[in-house]
Amino acid sequence: MNFLDLARAILALAITLGIIGLAAWASRRYLPQLLARISAERGERRMTVVETLVLDPARRLVLVKIDDEERLLILGDGRELIEPRGPEAAK
């Protein structure tokens, strides 16, 4: 390998690292505003996941808040069970 091949490899590496650095800088500079604009267009979400708890590898508990009401879901084994609610449980 002569000097010209070594210089060409170093130049290609420098250009590649420069492109990666430029993409990282651009994403830090412009991506937060873009994501904020996209999320503002969707409006306010009605459902949020408050907390999750893994029971075992196949099952988990998920606490979900829907319109100021929290519901407990048991997910796993191809089934979803929702915490039963009666009229006495309503606030």
N, C-alpha and C. Protein backbone atom coordinates (compact mmCIF):
# COMPACT_ATOMS: atom_id res chain seq x y z
N MET A 1 0.85 -1.16 0.00
CA MET A 1 0.00 0.00 0.00
C MET A 1 0.90 1.24 0.00
N ASN A 2 0.73 2.06 -0.97
CA ASN A 2 1.57 3.25 -1.07
C ASN A 2 0.91 4.43 -0.36
N PHE A 3 1.58 5.55 -0.41
CA PHE A 3 1.13 6.75 0.29
C PHE A 3 -0.20 7.27 -0.24
N LEU A 4 -0.42 7.15 -1.53
CA LEU A 4 -1.65 7.65 -2.15
C LEU A 4 -2.87 6.86 -1.65
N ASP A 5 -2.75 5.55 -1.52
CA ASP A 5 -3.85 4.73 -1.00
C ASP A 5 -4.14 5.07 0.46
N LEU A 6 -3.09 5.28 1.25
CA LEU A 6 -3.26 5.63 2.65
C LEU A 6 -3.93 7.00 2.79
N ALA A 7 -3.52 7.96 1.98
CA ALA A 7 -4.13 9.29 2.02
C ALA A 7 -5.59 9.23 1.59
N ARG A 8 -5.89 8.42 0.58
CA ARG A 8 -7.27 8.27 0.13
C ARG A 8 -8.15 7.64 1.22
N ALA A 9 -7.64 6.65 1.94
CA ALA A 9 -8.40 6.01 3.02
C ALA A 9 -8.64 6.97 4.17
N ILE A 10 -7.63 7.76 4.53
CA ILE A 10 -7.78 8.74 5.61
C ILE A 10 -8.77 9.83 5.21
N LEU A 11 -8.72 10.27 3.96
CA LEU A 11 -9.65 11.29 3.47
C LEU A 11 -11.09 10.75 3.47
N ALA A 12 -11.27 9.50 3.05
CA ALA A 12 -12.61 8.91 3.06
C ALA A 12 -13.14 8.78 4.48
N LEU A 13 -12.27 8.41 5.43
CA LEU A 13 -12.69 8.32 6.82
C LEU A 13 -13.06 9.69 7.37
N ALA A 14 -12.29 10.71 7.04
CA ALA A 14 -12.58 12.06 7.51
C ALA A 14 -13.91 12.57 6.94
N ILE A 15 -14.18 12.29 5.67
CA ILE A 15 -15.44 12.71 5.07
C ILE A 15 -16.62 11.98 5.71
N THR A 16 -16.46 10.68 5.95
CA THR A 16 -17.52 9.90 6.57
C THR A 16 -17.82 10.40 7.98
N LEU A 17 -16.78 10.64 8.77
CA LEU A 17 -16.97 11.15 10.13
C LEU A 17 -17.56 12.56 10.10
N GLY A 18 -17.19 13.35 9.12
CA GLY A 18 -17.77 14.68 8.98
C GLY A 18 -19.25 14.65 8.68
N ILE A 19 -19.67 13.74 7.81
CA ILE A 19 -21.09 13.60 7.48
C ILE A 19 -21.87 13.13 8.71
N ILE A 20 -21.31 12.18 9.47
CA ILE A 20 -21.98 11.72 10.69
C ILE A 20 -22.09 12.85 11.70
N GLY A 21 -21.02 13.63 11.87
CA GLY A 21 -21.04 14.76 12.79
C GLY A 21 -22.05 15.82 12.37
N LEU A 22 -22.13 16.08 11.08
CA LEU A 22 -23.09 17.06 10.56
C LEU A 22 -24.51 16.59 10.80
N ALA A 23 -24.78 15.30 10.60
CA ALA A 23 -26.12 14.77 10.85
C ALA A 23 -26.46 14.84 12.34
N ALA A 24 -25.50 14.58 13.22
CA ALA A 24 -25.75 14.67 14.66
C ALA A 24 -26.03 16.11 15.07
N TRP A 25 -25.26 17.04 14.54
CA TRP A 25 -25.48 18.45 14.86
C TRP A 25 -26.86 18.92 14.37
N ALA A 26 -27.21 18.53 13.15
CA ALA A 26 -28.50 18.94 12.59
C ALA A 26 -29.66 18.35 13.38
N SER A 27 -29.51 17.09 13.82
CA SER A 27 -30.61 16.49 14.59
C SER A 27 -30.76 17.14 15.96
N ARG A 28 -29.66 17.52 16.58
CA ARG A 28 -29.74 18.22 17.87
C ARG A 28 -30.31 19.62 17.70
N ARG A 29 -30.03 20.24 16.58
CA ARG A 29 -30.45 21.62 16.35
C ARG A 29 -31.90 21.72 15.93
N TYR A 30 -32.33 20.85 15.00
CA TYR A 30 -33.64 21.02 14.38
C TYR A 30 -34.68 19.98 14.77
N LEU A 31 -34.28 18.84 15.28
CA LEU A 31 -35.25 17.79 15.58
C LEU A 31 -36.19 18.13 16.73
N PRO A 32 -35.75 18.77 17.84
CA PRO A 32 -36.72 19.10 18.90
C PRO A 32 -37.86 20.00 18.44
N GLN A 33 -37.57 20.99 17.60
CA GLN A 33 -38.64 21.86 17.10
C GLN A 33 -39.59 21.08 16.19
N LEU A 34 -39.05 20.17 15.39
CA LEU A 34 -39.88 19.38 14.49
C LEU A 34 -40.78 18.45 15.28
N LEU A 35 -40.24 17.79 16.30
CA LEU A 35 -41.05 16.89 17.12
C LEU A 35 -42.11 17.66 17.91
N ALA A 36 -41.78 18.84 18.39
CA ALA A 36 -42.76 19.66 19.11
C ALA A 36 -43.89 20.09 18.19
N ARG A 37 -43.57 20.44 16.96
CA ARG A 37 -44.59 20.85 16.00
C ARG A 37 -45.50 19.67 15.64
N ILE A 38 -44.93 18.48 15.49
CA ILE A 38 -45.73 17.30 15.15
C ILE A 38 -46.64 16.93 16.31
N SER A 39 -46.13 16.97 17.54
CA SER A 39 -46.96 16.60 18.69
C SER A 39 -48.03 17.66 18.96
N ALA A 40 -47.78 18.91 18.64
CA ALA A 40 -48.78 19.96 18.83
C ALA A 40 -49.93 19.80 17.84
N GLU A 41 -49.65 19.27 16.67
CA GLU A 41 -50.70 19.10 15.68
C GLU A 41 -51.66 17.98 16.05
N ARG A 42 -51.19 16.99 16.82
CA ARG A 42 -52.04 15.87 17.18
C ARG A 42 -53.03 16.22 18.29
N GLY A 43 -52.76 17.24 19.04
CA GLY A 43 -53.65 17.61 20.13
C GLY A 43 -53.29 16.89 21.41
N GLU A 44 -54.11 17.10 22.42
CA GLU A 44 -53.84 16.51 23.72
C GLU A 44 -54.32 15.06 23.74
N ARG A 45 -53.52 14.21 24.35
CA ARG A 45 -53.86 12.79 24.44
C ARG A 45 -54.85 12.55 25.57
N ARG A 46 -55.78 11.63 25.38
CA ARG A 46 -56.75 11.30 26.41
C ARG A 46 -56.28 10.13 27.26
N MET A 47 -55.36 9.32 26.74
CA MET A 47 -54.94 8.12 27.45
C MET A 47 -53.42 8.15 27.65
N THR A 48 -52.99 7.87 28.90
CA THR A 48 -51.57 7.79 29.19
C THR A 48 -51.31 6.56 30.05
N VAL A 49 -50.11 6.00 29.90
CA VAL A 49 -49.68 4.89 30.74
C VAL A 49 -49.01 5.48 31.97
N VAL A 50 -49.57 5.21 33.14
CA VAL A 50 -49.05 5.77 34.38
C VAL A 50 -47.88 4.94 34.88
N GLU A 51 -48.06 3.62 34.92
CA GLU A 51 -47.02 2.76 35.46
C GLU A 51 -47.21 1.34 34.93
N THR A 52 -46.10 0.60 34.80
CA THR A 52 -46.16 -0.81 34.44
C THR A 52 -45.36 -1.61 35.46
N LEU A 53 -45.80 -2.84 35.68
CA LEU A 53 -45.12 -3.74 36.61
C LEU A 53 -45.09 -5.12 35.98
N VAL A 54 -43.89 -5.69 35.83
CA VAL A 54 -43.73 -7.01 35.25
C VAL A 54 -43.92 -8.04 36.35
N LEU A 55 -44.90 -8.91 36.16
CA LEU A 55 -45.16 -9.97 37.13
C LEU A 55 -44.26 -11.17 36.88
N ASP A 56 -44.22 -11.63 35.66
CA ASP A 56 -43.33 -12.70 35.22
C ASP A 56 -43.08 -12.49 33.74
N PRO A 57 -42.26 -13.33 33.09
CA PRO A 57 -41.96 -13.07 31.67
C PRO A 57 -43.18 -13.06 30.76
N ALA A 58 -44.28 -13.63 31.19
CA ALA A 58 -45.45 -13.69 30.32
C ALA A 58 -46.53 -12.68 30.68
N ARG A 59 -46.51 -12.12 31.88
CA ARG A 59 -47.60 -11.24 32.31
C ARG A 59 -47.07 -9.94 32.90
N ARG A 60 -47.87 -8.90 32.76
CA ARG A 60 -47.54 -7.60 33.34
C ARG A 60 -48.80 -6.84 33.71
N LEU A 61 -48.66 -5.98 34.70
CA LEU A 61 -49.74 -5.08 35.11
C LEU A 61 -49.47 -3.71 34.51
N VAL A 62 -50.50 -3.08 33.98
CA VAL A 62 -50.37 -1.75 33.39
C VAL A 62 -51.44 -0.86 33.99
N LEU A 63 -51.03 0.25 34.57
CA LEU A 63 -51.97 1.23 35.11
C LEU A 63 -52.12 2.33 34.05
N VAL A 64 -53.35 2.49 33.55
CA VAL A 64 -53.64 3.41 32.46
C VAL A 64 -54.60 4.47 32.96
N LYS A 65 -54.33 5.73 32.60
CA LYS A 65 -55.22 6.83 32.96
C LYS A 65 -55.97 7.27 31.71
N ILE A 66 -57.31 7.21 31.79
CA ILE A 66 -58.17 7.59 30.67
C ILE A 66 -59.16 8.62 31.18
N ASP A 67 -59.06 9.84 30.70
CA ASP A 67 -59.98 10.92 31.08
C ASP A 67 -60.17 11.02 32.59
N ASP A 68 -59.12 11.21 33.33
CA ASP A 68 -59.12 11.37 34.79
C ASP A 68 -59.57 10.13 35.55
N GLU A 69 -59.58 8.98 34.92
CA GLU A 69 -59.92 7.73 35.59
C GLU A 69 -58.79 6.73 35.35
N GLU A 70 -58.32 6.09 36.40
CA GLU A 70 -57.25 5.12 36.26
C GLU A 70 -57.84 3.72 36.22
N ARG A 71 -57.32 2.90 35.29
CA ARG A 71 -57.77 1.51 35.14
C ARG A 71 -56.54 0.61 35.19
N LEU A 72 -56.71 -0.57 35.78
CA LEU A 72 -55.63 -1.55 35.89
C LEU A 72 -55.87 -2.65 34.88
N LEU A 73 -54.86 -2.90 34.02
CA LEU A 73 -54.94 -3.94 33.01
C LEU A 73 -53.93 -5.02 33.32
N ILE A 74 -54.31 -6.28 33.11
CA ILE A 74 -53.39 -7.40 33.24
C ILE A 74 -53.17 -7.92 31.82
N LEU A 75 -51.95 -7.83 31.31
CA LEU A 75 -51.63 -8.22 29.95
C LEU A 75 -50.75 -9.46 29.95
N GLY A 76 -51.01 -10.36 29.02
CA GLY A 76 -50.14 -11.51 28.86
C GLY A 76 -50.88 -12.76 28.43
N ASP A 77 -50.13 -13.73 27.94
CA ASP A 77 -50.64 -15.03 27.50
C ASP A 77 -51.74 -14.89 26.45
N GLY A 78 -51.69 -13.84 25.63
CA GLY A 78 -52.69 -13.65 24.60
C GLY A 78 -54.03 -13.17 25.12
N ARG A 79 -54.11 -12.81 26.40
CA ARG A 79 -55.36 -12.33 27.00
C ARG A 79 -55.11 -10.99 27.66
N GLU A 80 -56.13 -10.18 27.71
CA GLU A 80 -56.09 -8.92 28.43
C GLU A 80 -57.27 -8.89 29.39
N LEU A 81 -57.00 -8.68 30.64
CA LEU A 81 -58.05 -8.59 31.65
C LEU A 81 -58.09 -7.17 32.19
N ILE A 82 -59.29 -6.61 32.25
CA ILE A 82 -59.47 -5.26 32.76
C ILE A 82 -60.07 -5.37 34.15
N GLU A 83 -59.54 -4.56 35.06
CA GLU A 83 -60.05 -4.52 36.42
C GLU A 83 -61.55 -4.27 36.42
N PRO A 84 -62.31 -5.11 37.08
CA PRO A 84 -63.77 -4.88 37.07
C PRO A 84 -64.13 -3.63 37.87
N ARG A 85 -65.07 -2.87 37.36
CA ARG A 85 -65.55 -1.65 38.02
C ARG A 85 -67.04 -1.76 38.25
N GLY A 86 -67.45 -1.48 39.45
CA GLY A 86 -68.87 -1.45 39.75
C GLY A 86 -69.30 -0.04 40.05
N PRO A 87 -70.56 0.20 40.33
CA PRO A 87 -71.03 1.55 40.64
C PRO A 87 -70.42 2.09 41.94
N GLU A 88 -70.05 1.19 42.87
CA GLU A 88 -69.46 1.66 44.12
C GLU A 88 -68.01 2.11 43.96
N ALA A 89 -67.35 1.68 42.86
CA ALA A 89 -65.96 2.05 42.63
C ALA A 89 -65.83 3.42 42.00
N ALA A 90 -66.89 3.95 41.44
CA ALA A 90 -66.84 5.26 40.79
C ALA A 90 -66.70 6.35 41.84
N LYS A 91 -65.92 7.35 41.49
CA LYS A 91 -65.67 8.43 42.43
C LYS A 91 -66.63 9.57 42.23
